[in-house]
Amino acid sequence: QVQLVESGGGLVQPGGSLRLSCAASGRVRSINAMAWYRQAPGKQRDLVATITSGGSTNYADSVKGRFTISRDNAKKTVYLQMNSLKPDDTGVYYCNADGTYYSGRRFDSWGQGTQVTVSS
């Protein structure tokens, strides 16, 4: 079973920066897309950014120009560099990855989430 473990969340002042990491563990043949989602209190989980195995990226309009998603395929890790943070960026950030096990079975897995709070 693949497991995703996020880290790097915390409390930061408006205008500050944080870097989230998400490491995948387990025997997998390939990891395709990796992504970050966030869920604010009382709201649905929304897509923040995605990155393919080839490095193509996509961002929610609300974070374009402020957030950067990247990945290290050798380490099976995805990152989210968050700059110029705003109070509206507050929420639980979840990592997602889809791929294939050596058996050929597909997976679509989620991490447990890491809290990001932007407040003065």
N, C-alpha and C. Protein backbone atom coordinates (compact mmCIF):
# COMPACT_ATOMS: atom_id res chain seq x y z
N GLN A 1 0.83 -1.18 0.00
CA GLN A 1 0.00 0.00 0.00
C GLN A 1 0.88 1.25 0.00
N VAL A 2 0.58 2.18 -0.86
CA VAL A 2 1.32 3.43 -0.86
C VAL A 2 0.79 4.32 0.25
N GLN A 3 1.67 5.01 0.94
CA GLN A 3 1.30 5.96 1.97
C GLN A 3 1.92 7.32 1.64
N LEU A 4 1.15 8.37 1.89
CA LEU A 4 1.62 9.73 1.66
C LEU A 4 1.68 10.45 3.00
N VAL A 5 2.81 11.06 3.29
CA VAL A 5 2.99 11.75 4.56
C VAL A 5 3.40 13.19 4.29
N GLU A 6 2.53 14.13 4.71
CA GLU A 6 2.80 15.55 4.52
C GLU A 6 3.55 16.12 5.72
N SER A 7 4.28 17.19 5.48
CA SER A 7 4.95 17.93 6.54
C SER A 7 5.15 19.36 6.09
N GLY A 8 5.46 20.23 7.06
CA GLY A 8 5.79 21.61 6.72
C GLY A 8 4.73 22.64 7.03
N GLY A 9 3.57 22.21 7.50
CA GLY A 9 2.53 23.17 7.83
C GLY A 9 2.88 23.94 9.10
N GLY A 10 2.04 24.93 9.42
CA GLY A 10 2.26 25.71 10.62
C GLY A 10 1.53 27.04 10.59
N LEU A 11 1.92 27.90 11.53
CA LEU A 11 1.33 29.23 11.64
C LEU A 11 2.30 30.24 11.04
N VAL A 12 1.79 31.10 10.17
CA VAL A 12 2.63 32.10 9.52
C VAL A 12 1.85 33.40 9.40
N GLN A 13 2.55 34.52 9.44
CA GLN A 13 1.90 35.81 9.29
C GLN A 13 1.58 36.08 7.83
N PRO A 14 0.57 36.91 7.58
CA PRO A 14 0.29 37.31 6.19
C PRO A 14 1.54 37.87 5.52
N GLY A 15 1.74 37.45 4.27
CA GLY A 15 2.93 37.86 3.53
C GLY A 15 4.09 36.91 3.69
N GLY A 16 3.97 35.97 4.60
CA GLY A 16 5.04 35.02 4.85
C GLY A 16 5.05 33.86 3.88
N SER A 17 5.97 32.91 4.14
CA SER A 17 6.14 31.76 3.26
C SER A 17 6.18 30.47 4.06
N LEU A 18 5.77 29.40 3.41
CA LEU A 18 5.89 28.05 3.94
C LEU A 18 6.19 27.11 2.79
N ARG A 19 6.87 26.00 3.11
CA ARG A 19 7.11 24.97 2.11
C ARG A 19 6.58 23.64 2.65
N LEU A 20 5.62 23.08 1.93
CA LEU A 20 5.06 21.78 2.28
C LEU A 20 5.77 20.69 1.50
N SER A 21 5.89 19.53 2.15
CA SER A 21 6.46 18.35 1.50
C SER A 21 5.50 17.19 1.66
N CYS A 22 5.53 16.28 0.71
CA CYS A 22 4.71 15.07 0.78
C CYS A 22 5.53 13.93 0.19
N ALA A 23 5.85 12.96 1.03
CA ALA A 23 6.67 11.83 0.60
C ALA A 23 5.80 10.58 0.49
N ALA A 24 5.95 9.89 -0.63
CA ALA A 24 5.24 8.63 -0.84
C ALA A 24 6.14 7.47 -0.46
N SER A 25 5.57 6.50 0.24
CA SER A 25 6.32 5.30 0.59
C SER A 25 5.55 4.08 0.13
N GLY A 26 6.27 3.00 -0.07
CA GLY A 26 5.64 1.78 -0.56
C GLY A 26 6.17 1.41 -1.93
N ARG A 27 6.01 0.14 -2.28
CA ARG A 27 6.52 -0.34 -3.54
C ARG A 27 5.52 -0.03 -4.66
N VAL A 28 5.88 0.91 -5.51
CA VAL A 28 5.01 1.29 -6.63
C VAL A 28 5.82 1.26 -7.91
N ARG A 29 5.16 0.95 -9.02
CA ARG A 29 5.86 0.92 -10.29
C ARG A 29 6.02 2.33 -10.84
N SER A 30 4.99 3.13 -10.67
CA SER A 30 5.06 4.50 -11.17
C SER A 30 4.07 5.38 -10.42
N ILE A 31 4.44 6.64 -10.32
CA ILE A 31 3.52 7.66 -9.80
C ILE A 31 3.28 8.65 -10.92
N ASN A 32 2.04 8.84 -11.28
CA ASN A 32 1.71 9.74 -12.36
C ASN A 32 1.55 11.17 -11.82
N ALA A 33 0.33 11.65 -11.74
CA ALA A 33 0.12 13.00 -11.25
C ALA A 33 0.21 13.04 -9.72
N MET A 34 0.75 14.13 -9.22
CA MET A 34 0.72 14.43 -7.79
C MET A 34 0.09 15.81 -7.64
N ALA A 35 -0.58 16.01 -6.53
CA ALA A 35 -1.34 17.25 -6.39
C ALA A 35 -1.46 17.67 -4.93
N TRP A 36 -1.75 18.93 -4.75
CA TRP A 36 -2.10 19.48 -3.45
C TRP A 36 -3.52 20.03 -3.50
N TYR A 37 -4.27 19.71 -2.46
CA TYR A 37 -5.61 20.23 -2.26
C TYR A 37 -5.62 20.94 -0.92
N ARG A 38 -6.63 21.77 -0.71
CA ARG A 38 -6.79 22.37 0.61
C ARG A 38 -8.27 22.45 0.96
N GLN A 39 -8.51 22.40 2.26
CA GLN A 39 -9.89 22.47 2.75
C GLN A 39 -9.96 23.45 3.89
N ALA A 40 -10.66 24.56 3.65
CA ALA A 40 -10.88 25.56 4.69
C ALA A 40 -12.01 25.10 5.59
N PRO A 41 -12.07 25.59 6.82
CA PRO A 41 -13.14 25.18 7.74
C PRO A 41 -14.53 25.41 7.14
N GLY A 42 -15.35 24.39 7.16
CA GLY A 42 -16.71 24.49 6.66
C GLY A 42 -16.85 24.52 5.15
N LYS A 43 -15.75 24.29 4.43
CA LYS A 43 -15.80 24.35 2.97
C LYS A 43 -15.35 23.02 2.36
N GLN A 44 -15.58 22.87 1.07
CA GLN A 44 -15.18 21.65 0.38
C GLN A 44 -13.68 21.66 0.13
N ARG A 45 -13.16 20.49 -0.19
CA ARG A 45 -11.74 20.36 -0.53
C ARG A 45 -11.54 20.82 -1.97
N ASP A 46 -10.64 21.76 -2.16
CA ASP A 46 -10.40 22.34 -3.48
C ASP A 46 -8.98 22.05 -3.97
N LEU A 47 -8.86 21.92 -5.28
CA LEU A 47 -7.56 21.70 -5.89
C LEU A 47 -6.72 22.97 -5.82
N VAL A 48 -5.45 22.83 -5.41
CA VAL A 48 -4.54 23.97 -5.37
C VAL A 48 -3.57 23.91 -6.54
N ALA A 49 -2.94 22.76 -6.75
CA ALA A 49 -1.94 22.64 -7.82
C ALA A 49 -1.71 21.17 -8.15
N THR A 50 -1.35 20.91 -9.39
CA THR A 50 -1.03 19.56 -9.83
C THR A 50 0.29 19.57 -10.61
N ILE A 51 0.94 18.41 -10.63
CA ILE A 51 2.15 18.26 -11.42
C ILE A 51 2.20 16.84 -11.95
N THR A 52 2.49 16.70 -13.24
CA THR A 52 2.58 15.39 -13.85
C THR A 52 3.98 14.81 -13.63
N SER A 53 4.14 13.55 -14.00
CA SER A 53 5.45 12.92 -13.87
C SER A 53 6.49 13.61 -14.75
N GLY A 54 6.04 14.25 -15.81
CA GLY A 54 6.94 14.96 -16.70
C GLY A 54 7.22 16.39 -16.29
N GLY A 55 6.54 16.85 -15.24
CA GLY A 55 6.79 18.19 -14.72
C GLY A 55 5.82 19.26 -15.16
N SER A 56 4.80 18.92 -15.92
CA SER A 56 3.79 19.91 -16.29
C SER A 56 2.95 20.27 -15.08
N THR A 57 2.69 21.56 -14.92
CA THR A 57 1.99 22.04 -13.72
C THR A 57 0.70 22.76 -14.07
N ASN A 58 -0.18 22.81 -13.08
CA ASN A 58 -1.43 23.54 -13.21
C ASN A 58 -1.79 24.09 -11.84
N TYR A 59 -2.32 25.32 -11.81
CA TYR A 59 -2.61 25.98 -10.54
C TYR A 59 -4.03 26.54 -10.51
N ALA A 60 -4.60 26.58 -9.32
CA ALA A 60 -5.84 27.31 -9.11
C ALA A 60 -5.55 28.79 -9.32
N ASP A 61 -6.53 29.51 -9.85
CA ASP A 61 -6.33 30.93 -10.13
C ASP A 61 -5.93 31.70 -8.87
N SER A 62 -6.45 31.28 -7.73
CA SER A 62 -6.22 32.02 -6.49
C SER A 62 -4.77 31.95 -6.00
N VAL A 63 -3.98 31.00 -6.53
CA VAL A 63 -2.61 30.85 -6.04
C VAL A 63 -1.56 31.11 -7.13
N LYS A 64 -2.01 31.34 -8.35
CA LYS A 64 -1.06 31.58 -9.45
C LYS A 64 -0.15 32.77 -9.13
N GLY A 65 1.13 32.57 -9.37
CA GLY A 65 2.11 33.61 -9.11
C GLY A 65 2.61 33.65 -7.69
N ARG A 66 1.98 32.89 -6.79
CA ARG A 66 2.39 32.87 -5.38
C ARG A 66 2.89 31.49 -4.95
N PHE A 67 2.28 30.45 -5.47
CA PHE A 67 2.62 29.08 -5.10
C PHE A 67 3.36 28.39 -6.25
N THR A 68 4.28 27.50 -5.89
CA THR A 68 4.99 26.71 -6.88
C THR A 68 5.01 25.25 -6.45
N ILE A 69 4.52 24.38 -7.33
CA ILE A 69 4.56 22.95 -7.06
C ILE A 69 5.75 22.35 -7.81
N SER A 70 6.42 21.41 -7.16
CA SER A 70 7.55 20.73 -7.79
C SER A 70 7.62 19.31 -7.25
N ARG A 71 8.42 18.47 -7.86
CA ARG A 71 8.53 17.09 -7.40
C ARG A 71 9.92 16.56 -7.66
N ASP A 72 10.29 15.59 -6.84
CA ASP A 72 11.54 14.84 -7.01
C ASP A 72 11.13 13.39 -7.21
N ASN A 73 11.16 12.94 -8.46
CA ASN A 73 10.68 11.59 -8.77
C ASN A 73 11.52 10.51 -8.09
N ALA A 74 12.81 10.74 -7.96
CA ALA A 74 13.67 9.74 -7.31
C ALA A 74 13.30 9.57 -5.84
N LYS A 75 12.87 10.64 -5.21
CA LYS A 75 12.49 10.59 -3.80
C LYS A 75 11.00 10.37 -3.61
N LYS A 76 10.26 10.30 -4.72
CA LYS A 76 8.80 10.14 -4.65
C LYS A 76 8.18 11.20 -3.75
N THR A 77 8.62 12.42 -3.94
CA THR A 77 8.20 13.52 -3.08
C THR A 77 7.70 14.69 -3.92
N VAL A 78 6.64 15.31 -3.44
CA VAL A 78 6.11 16.52 -4.07
C VAL A 78 6.18 17.65 -3.05
N TYR A 79 6.44 18.85 -3.56
CA TYR A 79 6.59 20.03 -2.70
C TYR A 79 5.59 21.11 -3.11
N LEU A 80 5.28 21.98 -2.17
CA LEU A 80 4.49 23.16 -2.48
C LEU A 80 5.12 24.34 -1.77
N GLN A 81 5.76 25.21 -2.55
CA GLN A 81 6.34 26.44 -2.02
C GLN A 81 5.26 27.51 -2.05
N MET A 82 4.93 28.04 -0.89
CA MET A 82 3.85 29.01 -0.77
C MET A 82 4.43 30.35 -0.31
N ASN A 83 4.32 31.36 -1.15
CA ASN A 83 4.82 32.70 -0.85
C ASN A 83 3.65 33.68 -0.79
N SER A 84 3.92 34.84 -0.21
CA SER A 84 2.91 35.90 -0.12
C SER A 84 1.59 35.35 0.41
N LEU A 85 1.67 34.61 1.48
CA LEU A 85 0.48 33.95 2.03
C LEU A 85 -0.54 34.95 2.53
N LYS A 86 -1.80 34.57 2.35
CA LYS A 86 -2.93 35.39 2.76
C LYS A 86 -3.78 34.61 3.75
N PRO A 87 -4.58 35.30 4.57
CA PRO A 87 -5.47 34.59 5.49
C PRO A 87 -6.38 33.59 4.77
N ASP A 88 -6.78 33.90 3.54
CA ASP A 88 -7.64 32.99 2.78
C ASP A 88 -6.94 31.68 2.40
N ASP A 89 -5.63 31.62 2.57
CA ASP A 89 -4.90 30.38 2.28
C ASP A 89 -4.97 29.41 3.45
N THR A 90 -5.56 29.83 4.55
CA THR A 90 -5.68 28.98 5.73
C THR A 90 -6.52 27.74 5.44
N GLY A 91 -6.08 26.61 5.93
CA GLY A 91 -6.81 25.37 5.76
C GLY A 91 -5.93 24.16 5.98
N VAL A 92 -6.51 23.00 5.83
CA VAL A 92 -5.75 21.75 5.87
C VAL A 92 -5.34 21.41 4.44
N TYR A 93 -4.08 21.22 4.24
CA TYR A 93 -3.53 20.91 2.91
C TYR A 93 -3.29 19.41 2.80
N TYR A 94 -3.84 18.83 1.75
CA TYR A 94 -3.75 17.39 1.52
C TYR A 94 -2.96 17.11 0.25
N CYS A 95 -2.16 16.08 0.32
CA CYS A 95 -1.40 15.59 -0.83
C CYS A 95 -2.18 14.44 -1.47
N ASN A 96 -2.12 14.37 -2.78
CA ASN A 96 -2.77 13.29 -3.53
C ASN A 96 -1.82 12.77 -4.60
N ALA A 97 -1.85 11.48 -4.81
CA ALA A 97 -1.02 10.89 -5.87
C ALA A 97 -1.74 9.72 -6.49
N ASP A 98 -1.58 9.57 -7.80
CA ASP A 98 -2.13 8.39 -8.46
C ASP A 98 -1.02 7.71 -9.25
N GLY A 99 -1.15 6.42 -9.37
CA GLY A 99 -0.11 5.67 -10.07
C GLY A 99 -0.47 4.22 -10.19
N THR A 100 0.57 3.39 -10.30
CA THR A 100 0.38 1.96 -10.55
C THR A 100 1.33 1.14 -9.69
N TYR A 101 0.79 0.08 -9.10
CA TYR A 101 1.63 -0.88 -8.39
C TYR A 101 2.30 -1.82 -9.41
N TYR A 102 3.25 -2.57 -8.95
CA TYR A 102 3.92 -3.55 -9.81
C TYR A 102 2.95 -4.61 -10.31
N SER A 103 1.89 -4.86 -9.55
CA SER A 103 0.87 -5.83 -9.96
C SER A 103 0.05 -5.34 -11.14
N GLY A 104 0.15 -4.04 -11.42
CA GLY A 104 -0.66 -3.46 -12.47
C GLY A 104 -1.89 -2.75 -11.93
N ARG A 105 -2.17 -2.94 -10.66
CA ARG A 105 -3.34 -2.29 -10.06
C ARG A 105 -3.06 -0.80 -9.88
N ARG A 106 -4.06 0.00 -10.16
CA ARG A 106 -3.92 1.44 -10.02
C ARG A 106 -4.19 1.85 -8.58
N PHE A 107 -3.66 2.98 -8.17
CA PHE A 107 -3.97 3.56 -6.87
C PHE A 107 -4.21 5.05 -7.01
N ASP A 108 -4.97 5.57 -6.07
CA ASP A 108 -5.26 7.01 -5.95
C ASP A 108 -5.32 7.27 -4.45
N SER A 109 -4.24 7.82 -3.90
CA SER A 109 -4.09 7.89 -2.45
C SER A 109 -4.01 9.32 -1.94
N TRP A 110 -4.38 9.47 -0.67
CA TRP A 110 -4.37 10.77 0.01
C TRP A 110 -3.49 10.71 1.25
N GLY A 111 -2.88 11.83 1.57
CA GLY A 111 -2.19 11.97 2.84
C GLY A 111 -3.17 12.34 3.93
N GLN A 112 -2.64 12.48 5.15
CA GLN A 112 -3.50 12.74 6.30
C GLN A 112 -3.77 14.24 6.47
N GLY A 113 -3.04 15.07 5.76
CA GLY A 113 -3.26 16.51 5.82
C GLY A 113 -2.33 17.21 6.78
N THR A 114 -2.02 18.47 6.47
CA THR A 114 -1.20 19.30 7.35
C THR A 114 -1.85 20.68 7.43
N GLN A 115 -1.94 21.21 8.64
CA GLN A 115 -2.63 22.48 8.86
C GLN A 115 -1.74 23.66 8.51
N VAL A 116 -2.30 24.59 7.75
CA VAL A 116 -1.64 25.86 7.45
C VAL A 116 -2.56 26.96 7.95
N THR A 117 -2.03 27.82 8.81
CA THR A 117 -2.81 28.93 9.35
C THR A 117 -2.06 30.22 9.06
N VAL A 118 -2.74 31.14 8.38
CA VAL A 118 -2.15 32.44 8.05
C VAL A 118 -2.89 33.49 8.86
N SER A 119 -2.20 34.04 9.83
CA SER A 119 -2.84 34.98 10.75
C SER A 119 -1.79 35.86 11.41
N SER A 120 -2.21 37.08 11.71
CA SER A 120 -1.31 37.98 12.43
C SER A 120 -1.58 37.90 13.93
